[in-house]
Amino acid sequence: GMPAAAEEGMIARDVGLVRRTGGRLHVQHLSTAGGLALVRAARAEGLPVTCEVTPHHLTLTDAAVLEHGANAKMNPPLRSRADVEALRQGLAEGVIDAIATDHAPHTVAEKCLPLAEAPFGIVGLETAVGLTLTHLVHTGVLTLGAAIDAWTRRPAAVFGLEGGSLALGQVGDVTVIDPEAEWTVDPGTFRSRGRNIPFAGW
């Protein structure tokens, strides 16, 4: 019900508005290879167009809905393996500026509704670093430095925010991680009140 053409049509329209008005555009939650191609072309044209992608759109395909039902229902929806691979490539090339969690907690009761009635979204915060390291860094899609940039420096630059770097005089927003730590996703241990994810047991 939400084909790739719908996303791509809106991106094409908005890029056209940028071209006409001189404004700028940030595309949230890019999910299709065609959408990425539109962003790439706009940037090659010199237009101020930026975008981001979520960890779930970099790791899951639409097949996850068959296994996890509403816990894999999100907006935009999960796409094909070809889309996932294109997004990974776009992130590695720097066409995609940032990774964003799109953290959307819902109650168990809400996500137990029939698929058409259940709300969109999954919990994103607790698994964001683990998914990035496991499926992007340890597989060679991104270097550790590039992954950190996609979570910190690059999104800060897109929005003109302080922080995102360790430069002298900048905001000291530091997170310490162990990139080799191993753990199993257990929604019961989440700090979030939400438990709605398709990654339990990963």
N, C-alpha and C. Protein backbone atom coordinates (compact mmCIF):
# COMPACT_ATOMS: atom_id res chain seq x y z
N GLY A 1 0.80 -1.22 0.00
CA GLY A 1 0.00 0.00 0.00
C GLY A 1 0.83 1.26 0.00
N MET A 2 2.13 1.15 0.22
CA MET A 2 3.02 2.32 0.24
C MET A 2 4.21 2.01 -0.68
N PRO A 3 3.99 2.02 -1.98
CA PRO A 3 5.06 1.61 -2.91
C PRO A 3 6.21 2.60 -2.95
N ALA A 4 7.34 2.13 -3.44
CA ALA A 4 8.53 2.98 -3.58
C ALA A 4 8.23 4.22 -4.39
N ALA A 5 7.35 4.08 -5.39
CA ALA A 5 7.03 5.23 -6.25
C ALA A 5 6.43 6.39 -5.47
N ALA A 6 5.72 6.11 -4.37
CA ALA A 6 5.14 7.18 -3.57
C ALA A 6 6.24 8.03 -2.92
N GLU A 7 7.23 7.36 -2.35
CA GLU A 7 8.36 8.07 -1.74
C GLU A 7 9.14 8.84 -2.81
N GLU A 8 9.41 8.18 -3.90
CA GLU A 8 10.23 8.79 -4.95
C GLU A 8 9.52 9.97 -5.60
N GLY A 9 8.20 9.88 -5.75
CA GLY A 9 7.44 10.99 -6.31
C GLY A 9 7.50 12.22 -5.43
N MET A 10 7.42 12.04 -4.12
CA MET A 10 7.48 13.17 -3.20
C MET A 10 8.88 13.79 -3.17
N ILE A 11 9.92 12.93 -3.21
CA ILE A 11 11.28 13.47 -3.23
C ILE A 11 11.51 14.26 -4.51
N ALA A 12 11.05 13.73 -5.64
CA ALA A 12 11.20 14.45 -6.91
C ALA A 12 10.48 15.79 -6.86
N ARG A 13 9.28 15.79 -6.32
CA ARG A 13 8.53 17.05 -6.19
C ARG A 13 9.28 18.05 -5.33
N ASP A 14 9.78 17.58 -4.18
CA ASP A 14 10.45 18.49 -3.25
C ASP A 14 11.78 19.00 -3.79
N VAL A 15 12.49 18.15 -4.52
CA VAL A 15 13.73 18.61 -5.17
C VAL A 15 13.38 19.70 -6.19
N GLY A 16 12.29 19.52 -6.91
CA GLY A 16 11.85 20.54 -7.85
C GLY A 16 11.52 21.85 -7.17
N LEU A 17 10.93 21.78 -5.97
CA LEU A 17 10.63 23.00 -5.22
C LEU A 17 11.91 23.68 -4.75
N VAL A 18 12.91 22.89 -4.35
CA VAL A 18 14.21 23.46 -3.97
C VAL A 18 14.81 24.20 -5.16
N ARG A 19 14.76 23.56 -6.31
CA ARG A 19 15.31 24.17 -7.53
C ARG A 19 14.60 25.50 -7.84
N ARG A 20 13.31 25.54 -7.63
CA ARG A 20 12.51 26.71 -7.98
C ARG A 20 12.61 27.83 -6.95
N THR A 21 12.71 27.47 -5.66
CA THR A 21 12.63 28.47 -4.59
C THR A 21 13.97 28.87 -3.98
N GLY A 22 14.98 28.03 -4.18
CA GLY A 22 16.26 28.31 -3.52
C GLY A 22 16.29 27.85 -2.07
N GLY A 23 15.25 27.13 -1.64
CA GLY A 23 15.24 26.60 -0.28
C GLY A 23 16.15 25.39 -0.16
N ARG A 24 16.10 24.74 0.99
CA ARG A 24 16.87 23.51 1.17
C ARG A 24 15.94 22.40 1.62
N LEU A 25 16.40 21.17 1.43
CA LEU A 25 15.57 20.00 1.70
C LEU A 25 16.37 18.96 2.48
N HIS A 26 15.76 18.44 3.53
CA HIS A 26 16.31 17.28 4.23
C HIS A 26 15.28 16.16 4.16
N VAL A 27 15.67 15.04 3.57
CA VAL A 27 14.77 13.89 3.41
C VAL A 27 14.95 12.97 4.62
N GLN A 28 13.89 12.79 5.38
CA GLN A 28 13.93 11.90 6.53
C GLN A 28 13.66 10.47 6.10
N HIS A 29 14.34 9.53 6.74
CA HIS A 29 14.05 8.10 6.61
C HIS A 29 14.00 7.63 5.15
N LEU A 30 15.02 7.97 4.40
CA LEU A 30 15.13 7.49 3.02
C LEU A 30 15.06 5.97 3.03
N SER A 31 14.27 5.38 2.09
CA SER A 31 14.13 3.92 2.14
C SER A 31 14.25 3.23 0.78
N THR A 32 14.40 3.97 -0.30
CA THR A 32 14.43 3.32 -1.61
C THR A 32 15.66 3.70 -2.42
N ALA A 33 16.05 2.78 -3.30
CA ALA A 33 17.17 3.05 -4.21
C ALA A 33 16.84 4.22 -5.14
N GLY A 34 15.58 4.29 -5.58
CA GLY A 34 15.17 5.39 -6.45
C GLY A 34 15.23 6.73 -5.75
N GLY A 35 14.83 6.76 -4.49
CA GLY A 35 14.92 8.00 -3.71
C GLY A 35 16.36 8.44 -3.55
N LEU A 36 17.24 7.47 -3.29
CA LEU A 36 18.66 7.77 -3.18
C LEU A 36 19.20 8.34 -4.49
N ALA A 37 18.78 7.78 -5.62
CA ALA A 37 19.24 8.28 -6.92
C ALA A 37 18.81 9.73 -7.12
N LEU A 38 17.61 10.08 -6.67
CA LEU A 38 17.13 11.45 -6.79
C LEU A 38 17.96 12.40 -5.93
N VAL A 39 18.29 11.97 -4.71
CA VAL A 39 19.12 12.80 -3.83
C VAL A 39 20.51 12.97 -4.43
N ARG A 40 21.07 11.87 -4.93
CA ARG A 40 22.40 11.93 -5.55
C ARG A 40 22.41 12.91 -6.72
N ALA A 41 21.40 12.85 -7.58
CA ALA A 41 21.33 13.74 -8.74
C ALA A 41 21.17 15.19 -8.31
N ALA A 42 20.35 15.43 -7.29
CA ALA A 42 20.16 16.80 -6.80
C ALA A 42 21.46 17.38 -6.26
N ARG A 43 22.19 16.56 -5.53
CA ARG A 43 23.47 17.04 -4.97
C ARG A 43 24.48 17.28 -6.08
N ALA A 44 24.49 16.41 -7.10
CA ALA A 44 25.40 16.61 -8.23
C ALA A 44 25.09 17.92 -8.96
N GLU A 45 23.84 18.33 -8.89
CA GLU A 45 23.39 19.58 -9.51
C GLU A 45 23.75 20.79 -8.64
N GLY A 46 24.23 20.51 -7.42
CA GLY A 46 24.60 21.59 -6.51
C GLY A 46 23.47 22.07 -5.63
N LEU A 47 22.35 21.34 -5.60
CA LEU A 47 21.23 21.75 -4.76
C LEU A 47 21.47 21.37 -3.30
N PRO A 48 20.98 22.18 -2.37
CA PRO A 48 21.18 21.90 -0.94
C PRO A 48 20.20 20.84 -0.44
N VAL A 49 20.49 19.59 -0.76
CA VAL A 49 19.62 18.46 -0.39
C VAL A 49 20.43 17.50 0.46
N THR A 50 19.91 17.17 1.62
CA THR A 50 20.54 16.22 2.53
C THR A 50 19.53 15.13 2.87
N CYS A 51 20.00 14.06 3.50
CA CYS A 51 19.09 12.97 3.84
C CYS A 51 19.68 12.10 4.94
N GLU A 52 18.80 11.28 5.51
CA GLU A 52 19.24 10.30 6.50
C GLU A 52 18.50 8.99 6.31
N VAL A 53 19.00 7.97 6.99
CA VAL A 53 18.44 6.62 6.89
C VAL A 53 18.42 6.03 8.30
N THR A 54 17.56 5.05 8.52
CA THR A 54 17.47 4.43 9.85
C THR A 54 18.22 3.10 9.88
N PRO A 55 18.62 2.65 11.06
CA PRO A 55 19.27 1.33 11.16
C PRO A 55 18.39 0.20 10.64
N HIS A 56 17.07 0.30 10.86
CA HIS A 56 16.20 -0.80 10.39
C HIS A 56 16.09 -0.85 8.88
N HIS A 57 16.17 0.29 8.22
CA HIS A 57 16.15 0.27 6.75
C HIS A 57 17.49 -0.16 6.17
N LEU A 58 18.51 -0.20 7.01
CA LEU A 58 19.83 -0.68 6.57
C LEU A 58 20.05 -2.16 6.89
N THR A 59 19.12 -2.77 7.65
CA THR A 59 19.34 -4.15 8.10
C THR A 59 18.21 -5.11 7.77
N LEU A 60 16.99 -4.61 7.60
CA LEU A 60 15.82 -5.47 7.38
C LEU A 60 15.23 -5.27 5.99
N THR A 61 14.59 -6.30 5.48
CA THR A 61 13.83 -6.17 4.23
C THR A 61 12.34 -6.35 4.55
N ASP A 62 11.51 -6.16 3.54
CA ASP A 62 10.07 -6.31 3.72
C ASP A 62 9.68 -7.72 4.16
N ALA A 63 10.55 -8.69 3.97
CA ALA A 63 10.27 -10.06 4.43
C ALA A 63 10.10 -10.12 5.94
N ALA A 64 10.67 -9.17 6.67
CA ALA A 64 10.57 -9.17 8.14
C ALA A 64 9.13 -9.02 8.61
N VAL A 65 8.29 -8.40 7.80
CA VAL A 65 6.89 -8.23 8.19
C VAL A 65 6.19 -9.59 8.27
N LEU A 66 6.56 -10.53 7.40
CA LEU A 66 5.96 -11.86 7.44
C LEU A 66 6.29 -12.58 8.73
N GLU A 67 7.48 -12.33 9.26
CA GLU A 67 7.92 -13.00 10.49
C GLU A 67 7.49 -12.27 11.75
N HIS A 68 7.56 -10.94 11.72
CA HIS A 68 7.36 -10.15 12.95
C HIS A 68 6.08 -9.33 12.97
N GLY A 69 5.31 -9.35 11.91
CA GLY A 69 4.04 -8.63 11.88
C GLY A 69 4.21 -7.15 12.16
N ALA A 70 3.35 -6.64 13.06
CA ALA A 70 3.33 -5.21 13.35
C ALA A 70 4.63 -4.71 13.97
N ASN A 71 5.43 -5.59 14.55
CA ASN A 71 6.72 -5.16 15.10
C ASN A 71 7.72 -4.82 14.00
N ALA A 72 7.35 -5.09 12.76
CA ALA A 72 8.18 -4.68 11.63
C ALA A 72 7.42 -3.70 10.72
N LYS A 73 6.34 -3.12 11.28
CA LYS A 73 5.58 -2.13 10.53
C LYS A 73 6.11 -0.74 10.86
N MET A 74 6.57 -0.04 9.85
CA MET A 74 7.14 1.30 10.05
C MET A 74 6.82 2.18 8.86
N ASN A 75 7.10 3.46 9.01
CA ASN A 75 6.81 4.43 7.97
C ASN A 75 8.04 5.28 7.71
N PRO A 76 8.68 5.16 6.54
CA PRO A 76 8.26 4.35 5.41
C PRO A 76 8.44 2.85 5.70
N PRO A 77 7.78 2.01 4.93
CA PRO A 77 7.88 0.58 5.18
C PRO A 77 9.25 0.03 4.79
N LEU A 78 9.51 -1.16 5.28
CA LEU A 78 10.72 -1.86 4.87
C LEU A 78 10.63 -2.17 3.38
N ARG A 79 11.78 -2.22 2.73
CA ARG A 79 11.81 -2.39 1.28
C ARG A 79 12.55 -3.67 0.90
N SER A 80 12.95 -3.77 -0.35
CA SER A 80 13.59 -4.97 -0.88
C SER A 80 15.07 -5.04 -0.50
N ARG A 81 15.66 -6.21 -0.72
CA ARG A 81 17.10 -6.38 -0.49
C ARG A 81 17.90 -5.42 -1.36
N ALA A 82 17.46 -5.19 -2.60
CA ALA A 82 18.17 -4.25 -3.49
C ALA A 82 18.16 -2.84 -2.92
N ASP A 83 17.06 -2.44 -2.31
CA ASP A 83 16.99 -1.12 -1.68
C ASP A 83 17.95 -1.04 -0.50
N VAL A 84 17.97 -2.07 0.33
CA VAL A 84 18.88 -2.09 1.48
C VAL A 84 20.32 -1.95 1.01
N GLU A 85 20.70 -2.71 0.01
CA GLU A 85 22.08 -2.64 -0.49
C GLU A 85 22.40 -1.27 -1.07
N ALA A 86 21.44 -0.66 -1.77
CA ALA A 86 21.66 0.68 -2.32
C ALA A 86 21.85 1.70 -1.20
N LEU A 87 21.04 1.61 -0.15
CA LEU A 87 21.17 2.53 0.97
C LEU A 87 22.51 2.38 1.67
N ARG A 88 22.95 1.15 1.85
CA ARG A 88 24.26 0.92 2.45
C ARG A 88 25.37 1.56 1.61
N GLN A 89 25.26 1.38 0.29
CA GLN A 89 26.25 1.96 -0.60
C GLN A 89 26.21 3.49 -0.55
N GLY A 90 25.01 4.05 -0.53
CA GLY A 90 24.86 5.50 -0.45
C GLY A 90 25.43 6.07 0.83
N LEU A 91 25.28 5.34 1.93
CA LEU A 91 25.85 5.77 3.20
C LEU A 91 27.37 5.71 3.14
N ALA A 92 27.90 4.62 2.60
CA ALA A 92 29.36 4.46 2.48
C ALA A 92 29.97 5.54 1.59
N GLU A 93 29.25 5.95 0.56
CA GLU A 93 29.75 6.97 -0.37
C GLU A 93 29.58 8.39 0.17
N GLY A 94 28.83 8.55 1.25
CA GLY A 94 28.60 9.88 1.81
C GLY A 94 27.43 10.63 1.19
N VAL A 95 26.68 9.98 0.30
CA VAL A 95 25.49 10.62 -0.26
C VAL A 95 24.43 10.75 0.83
N ILE A 96 24.31 9.74 1.67
CA ILE A 96 23.44 9.80 2.84
C ILE A 96 24.24 10.43 3.96
N ASP A 97 23.68 11.48 4.55
CA ASP A 97 24.43 12.28 5.52
C ASP A 97 24.46 11.69 6.92
N ALA A 98 23.41 11.00 7.31
CA ALA A 98 23.31 10.62 8.72
C ALA A 98 22.48 9.37 8.90
N ILE A 99 22.64 8.77 10.08
CA ILE A 99 21.77 7.68 10.53
C ILE A 99 20.93 8.26 11.66
N ALA A 100 19.64 7.95 11.68
CA ALA A 100 18.74 8.43 12.72
C ALA A 100 17.86 7.29 13.19
N THR A 101 17.58 7.23 14.49
CA THR A 101 16.88 6.06 15.03
C THR A 101 15.42 5.97 14.64
N ASP A 102 14.74 7.10 14.47
CA ASP A 102 13.29 7.11 14.30
C ASP A 102 12.64 6.34 15.44
N HIS A 103 13.13 6.56 16.66
CA HIS A 103 12.65 5.86 17.86
C HIS A 103 11.15 6.09 18.04
N ALA A 104 10.36 5.03 17.97
CA ALA A 104 8.90 5.15 18.06
C ALA A 104 8.34 4.04 18.94
N PRO A 105 8.37 4.23 20.26
CA PRO A 105 7.86 3.20 21.16
C PRO A 105 6.33 3.13 21.17
N HIS A 106 5.81 1.91 21.24
CA HIS A 106 4.37 1.68 21.34
C HIS A 106 4.14 0.57 22.36
N THR A 107 2.93 0.51 22.87
CA THR A 107 2.61 -0.53 23.84
C THR A 107 2.46 -1.89 23.15
N VAL A 108 2.59 -2.94 23.93
CA VAL A 108 2.40 -4.29 23.40
C VAL A 108 0.98 -4.43 22.84
N ALA A 109 0.01 -3.87 23.55
CA ALA A 109 -1.39 -3.97 23.09
C ALA A 109 -1.58 -3.31 21.73
N GLU A 110 -0.94 -2.15 21.53
CA GLU A 110 -1.06 -1.48 20.23
C GLU A 110 -0.47 -2.32 19.11
N LYS A 111 0.68 -2.91 19.38
CA LYS A 111 1.35 -3.69 18.34
C LYS A 111 0.75 -5.08 18.15
N CYS A 112 -0.17 -5.49 19.04
CA CYS A 112 -0.87 -6.77 18.87
C CYS A 112 -2.13 -6.62 18.02
N LEU A 113 -2.44 -5.39 17.64
CA LEU A 113 -3.60 -5.17 16.77
C LEU A 113 -3.32 -5.77 15.39
N PRO A 114 -4.35 -6.02 14.59
CA PRO A 114 -4.12 -6.48 13.22
C PRO A 114 -3.20 -5.50 12.50
N LEU A 115 -2.44 -6.01 11.56
CA LEU A 115 -1.40 -5.21 10.90
C LEU A 115 -1.92 -3.88 10.38
N ALA A 116 -3.09 -3.88 9.76
CA ALA A 116 -3.61 -2.64 9.18
C ALA A 116 -3.96 -1.60 10.24
N GLU A 117 -4.25 -2.05 11.48
CA GLU A 117 -4.66 -1.14 12.55
C GLU A 117 -3.52 -0.75 13.48
N ALA A 118 -2.49 -1.55 13.55
CA ALA A 118 -1.37 -1.28 14.47
C ALA A 118 -0.64 -0.01 14.05
N PRO A 119 -0.08 0.72 15.02
CA PRO A 119 0.64 1.95 14.69
C PRO A 119 1.98 1.65 14.02
N PHE A 120 2.47 2.63 13.29
CA PHE A 120 3.78 2.52 12.66
C PHE A 120 4.88 2.74 13.70
N GLY A 121 6.06 2.12 13.48
CA GLY A 121 7.24 2.46 14.26
C GLY A 121 7.74 1.36 15.16
N ILE A 122 9.04 1.45 15.43
CA ILE A 122 9.70 0.52 16.35
C ILE A 122 10.61 1.30 17.30
N VAL A 123 10.98 0.64 18.39
CA VAL A 123 11.96 1.22 19.31
C VAL A 123 13.31 1.24 18.60
N GLY A 124 14.00 2.36 18.63
CA GLY A 124 15.26 2.47 17.90
C GLY A 124 16.48 2.74 18.74
N LEU A 125 16.32 3.32 19.93
CA LEU A 125 17.50 3.79 20.67
C LEU A 125 18.40 2.66 21.17
N GLU A 126 17.78 1.64 21.79
CA GLU A 126 18.61 0.61 22.43
C GLU A 126 19.42 -0.24 21.47
N THR A 127 18.97 -0.37 20.24
CA THR A 127 19.66 -1.24 19.29
C THR A 127 20.49 -0.49 18.25
N ALA A 128 20.44 0.84 18.26
CA ALA A 128 21.07 1.64 17.20
C ALA A 128 22.57 1.39 17.07
N VAL A 129 23.29 1.44 18.18
CA VAL A 129 24.74 1.25 18.12
C VAL A 129 25.08 -0.20 17.76
N GLY A 130 24.38 -1.14 18.36
CA GLY A 130 24.64 -2.55 18.07
C GLY A 130 24.41 -2.90 16.61
N LEU A 131 23.31 -2.41 16.04
CA LEU A 131 23.04 -2.68 14.63
C LEU A 131 24.09 -2.03 13.73
N THR A 132 24.49 -0.81 14.07
CA THR A 132 25.49 -0.11 13.27
C THR A 132 26.82 -0.85 13.27
N LEU A 133 27.27 -1.24 14.45
CA LEU A 133 28.56 -1.93 14.54
C LEU A 133 28.48 -3.31 13.89
N THR A 134 27.45 -4.09 14.22
CA THR A 134 27.35 -5.46 13.74
C THR A 134 27.15 -5.54 12.23
N HIS A 135 26.26 -4.71 11.70
CA HIS A 135 25.86 -4.87 10.30
C HIS A 135 26.50 -3.89 9.33
N LEU A 136 27.15 -2.87 9.85
CA LEU A 136 27.80 -1.90 8.96
C LEU A 136 29.31 -1.84 9.16
N VAL A 137 29.76 -1.78 10.41
CA VAL A 137 31.21 -1.68 10.67
C VAL A 137 31.89 -3.03 10.57
N HIS A 138 31.38 -4.02 11.29
CA HIS A 138 32.03 -5.34 11.29
C HIS A 138 31.91 -6.07 9.96
N THR A 139 31.02 -5.62 9.10
CA THR A 139 30.89 -6.23 7.76
C THR A 139 31.66 -5.44 6.71
N GLY A 140 32.27 -4.33 7.10
CA GLY A 140 33.09 -3.56 6.17
C GLY A 140 32.34 -2.54 5.33
N VAL A 141 31.06 -2.33 5.60
CA VAL A 141 30.31 -1.30 4.86
C VAL A 141 30.84 0.08 5.22
N LEU A 142 31.08 0.31 6.52
CA LEU A 142 31.61 1.58 7.01
C LEU A 142 32.82 1.32 7.89
N THR A 143 33.73 2.28 7.93
CA THR A 143 34.78 2.24 8.96
C THR A 143 34.14 2.69 10.27
N LEU A 144 34.81 2.42 11.37
CA LEU A 144 34.28 2.88 12.65
C LEU A 144 34.18 4.40 12.66
N GLY A 145 35.18 5.08 12.11
CA GLY A 145 35.15 6.54 12.05
C GLY A 145 33.98 7.07 11.24
N ALA A 146 33.70 6.43 10.12
CA ALA A 146 32.58 6.87 9.28
C ALA A 146 31.25 6.64 9.98
N ALA A 147 31.13 5.53 10.72
CA ALA A 147 29.90 5.25 11.46
C ALA A 147 29.69 6.30 12.55
N ILE A 148 30.74 6.63 13.27
CA ILE A 148 30.63 7.65 14.31
C ILE A 148 30.25 8.99 13.70
N ASP A 149 30.86 9.34 12.58
CA ASP A 149 30.52 10.58 11.87
C ASP A 149 29.03 10.61 11.50
N ALA A 150 28.49 9.48 11.04
CA ALA A 150 27.10 9.44 10.60
C ALA A 150 26.13 9.62 11.76
N TRP A 151 26.58 9.34 12.97
CA TRP A 151 25.75 9.51 14.15
C TRP A 151 25.98 10.85 14.85
N THR A 152 27.08 11.53 14.54
CA THR A 152 27.46 12.70 15.34
C THR A 152 27.77 13.94 14.50
N ARG A 153 28.96 13.98 13.92
CA ARG A 153 29.44 15.17 13.23
C ARG A 153 28.58 15.54 12.03
N ARG A 154 28.23 14.58 11.22
CA ARG A 154 27.50 14.89 9.98
C ARG A 154 26.07 15.37 10.24
N PRO A 155 25.28 14.74 11.11
CA PRO A 155 23.96 15.32 11.39
C PRO A 155 24.05 16.70 12.04
N ALA A 156 25.04 16.90 12.90
CA ALA A 156 25.20 18.24 13.50
C ALA A 156 25.48 19.27 12.41
N ALA A 157 26.29 18.90 11.42
CA ALA A 157 26.61 19.82 10.33
C ALA A 157 25.37 20.11 9.47
N VAL A 158 24.56 19.09 9.20
CA VAL A 158 23.36 19.28 8.38
C VAL A 158 22.45 20.35 8.99
N PHE A 159 22.30 20.31 10.31
CA PHE A 159 21.37 21.22 10.97
C PHE A 159 22.05 22.41 11.65
N GLY A 160 23.35 22.54 11.47
CA GLY A 160 24.05 23.67 12.06
C GLY A 160 24.04 23.67 13.57
N LEU A 161 24.14 22.49 14.16
CA LEU A 161 24.10 22.35 15.62
C LEU A 161 25.50 22.31 16.21
N GLU A 162 25.61 22.79 17.44
CA GLU A 162 26.87 22.62 18.16
C GLU A 162 27.02 21.15 18.52
N GLY A 163 28.26 20.74 18.69
CA GLY A 163 28.50 19.35 19.07
C GLY A 163 28.82 18.49 17.87
N GLY A 164 28.99 17.21 18.14
CA GLY A 164 29.30 16.28 17.07
C GLY A 164 30.78 16.13 16.79
N SER A 165 31.61 16.85 17.52
CA SER A 165 33.06 16.71 17.34
C SER A 165 33.73 16.87 18.69
N LEU A 166 35.00 16.54 18.73
CA LEU A 166 35.77 16.69 19.97
C LEU A 166 36.70 17.89 19.89
N ALA A 167 36.38 18.84 19.03
CA ALA A 167 37.23 20.02 18.86
C ALA A 167 37.23 20.89 20.11
N LEU A 168 38.33 21.57 20.32
CA LEU A 168 38.48 22.47 21.46
C LEU A 168 37.37 23.51 21.43
N GLY A 169 36.71 23.69 22.57
CA GLY A 169 35.65 24.68 22.67
C GLY A 169 34.27 24.19 22.29
N GLN A 170 34.17 22.97 21.76
CA GLN A 170 32.86 22.42 21.39
C GLN A 170 32.18 21.78 22.60
N VAL A 171 30.89 21.56 22.47
CA VAL A 171 30.12 20.90 23.52
C VAL A 171 30.70 19.51 23.76
N GLY A 172 30.90 19.14 25.02
CA GLY A 172 31.50 17.85 25.35
C GLY A 172 30.47 16.75 25.43
N ASP A 173 29.81 16.45 24.32
CA ASP A 173 28.79 15.39 24.30
C ASP A 173 29.46 14.08 23.89
N VAL A 174 29.91 13.33 24.87
CA VAL A 174 30.72 12.13 24.62
C VAL A 174 29.98 10.89 25.08
N THR A 175 30.01 9.86 24.26
CA THR A 175 29.49 8.55 24.63
C THR A 175 30.64 7.56 24.51
N VAL A 176 30.82 6.73 25.51
CA VAL A 176 31.89 5.73 25.50
C VAL A 176 31.28 4.38 25.14
N ILE A 177 31.84 3.72 24.14
CA ILE A 177 31.33 2.40 23.73
C ILE A 177 32.50 1.42 23.64
N ASP A 178 32.16 0.15 23.75
CA ASP A 178 33.11 -0.92 23.50
C ASP A 178 32.70 -1.57 22.18
N PRO A 179 33.41 -1.29 21.09
CA PRO A 179 32.98 -1.80 19.78
C PRO A 179 33.08 -3.31 19.64
N GLU A 180 33.71 -3.99 20.58
CA GLU A 180 33.83 -5.44 20.51
C GLU A 180 32.90 -6.16 21.48
N ALA A 181 32.15 -5.41 22.28
CA ALA A 181 31.25 -6.05 23.25
C ALA A 181 30.18 -6.86 22.52
N GLU A 182 29.84 -8.01 23.08
CA GLU A 182 28.79 -8.84 22.51
C GLU A 182 27.63 -8.93 23.49
N TRP A 183 26.41 -8.79 22.97
CA TRP A 183 25.21 -8.89 23.79
C TRP A 183 24.06 -9.35 22.91
N THR A 184 23.03 -9.86 23.54
CA THR A 184 21.84 -10.33 22.83
C THR A 184 20.70 -9.37 23.12
N VAL A 185 19.96 -9.01 22.09
CA VAL A 185 18.86 -8.06 22.25
C VAL A 185 17.74 -8.70 23.06
N ASP A 186 17.46 -8.10 24.21
CA ASP A 186 16.39 -8.55 25.10
C ASP A 186 15.50 -7.36 25.42
N PRO A 187 14.35 -7.24 24.76
CA PRO A 187 13.48 -6.08 24.99
C PRO A 187 13.09 -5.90 26.46
N GLY A 188 13.10 -6.98 27.22
CA GLY A 188 12.75 -6.88 28.63
C GLY A 188 13.72 -6.05 29.44
N THR A 189 14.91 -5.83 28.92
CA THR A 189 15.92 -5.05 29.64
C THR A 189 16.00 -3.60 29.15
N PHE A 190 15.17 -3.21 28.19
CA PHE A 190 15.25 -1.87 27.63
C PHE A 190 14.93 -0.80 28.68
N ARG A 191 15.59 0.33 28.57
CA ARG A 191 15.26 1.49 29.39
C ARG A 191 13.97 2.14 28.89
N SER A 192 13.72 2.04 27.60
CA SER A 192 12.49 2.56 27.02
C SER A 192 11.30 1.75 27.52
N ARG A 193 10.15 2.39 27.61
CA ARG A 193 8.94 1.65 27.96
C ARG A 193 8.45 0.82 26.78
N GLY A 194 8.93 1.14 25.60
CA GLY A 194 8.55 0.39 24.42
C GLY A 194 9.32 -0.92 24.32
N ARG A 195 8.69 -1.93 23.76
CA ARG A 195 9.32 -3.24 23.56
C ARG A 195 9.16 -3.69 22.11
N ASN A 196 8.63 -2.82 21.27
CA ASN A 196 8.23 -3.19 19.92
C ASN A 196 9.40 -3.14 18.94
N ILE A 197 10.06 -4.28 18.78
CA ILE A 197 11.17 -4.39 17.83
C ILE A 197 11.13 -5.76 17.15
N PRO A 198 11.72 -5.85 15.96
CA PRO A 198 11.86 -7.14 15.31
C PRO A 198 13.25 -7.76 15.54
N PHE A 199 14.00 -7.23 16.49
CA PHE A 199 15.39 -7.67 16.68
C PHE A 199 15.59 -8.54 17.92
N ALA A 200 14.53 -8.90 18.62
CA ALA A 200 14.68 -9.72 19.83
C ALA A 200 15.44 -11.01 19.52
N GLY A 201 16.45 -11.29 20.31
CA GLY A 201 17.25 -12.49 20.12
C GLY A 201 18.45 -12.30 19.20
N TRP A 202 18.55 -11.16 18.54
CA TRP A 202 19.72 -10.90 17.68
C TRP A 202 20.94 -10.77 18.55
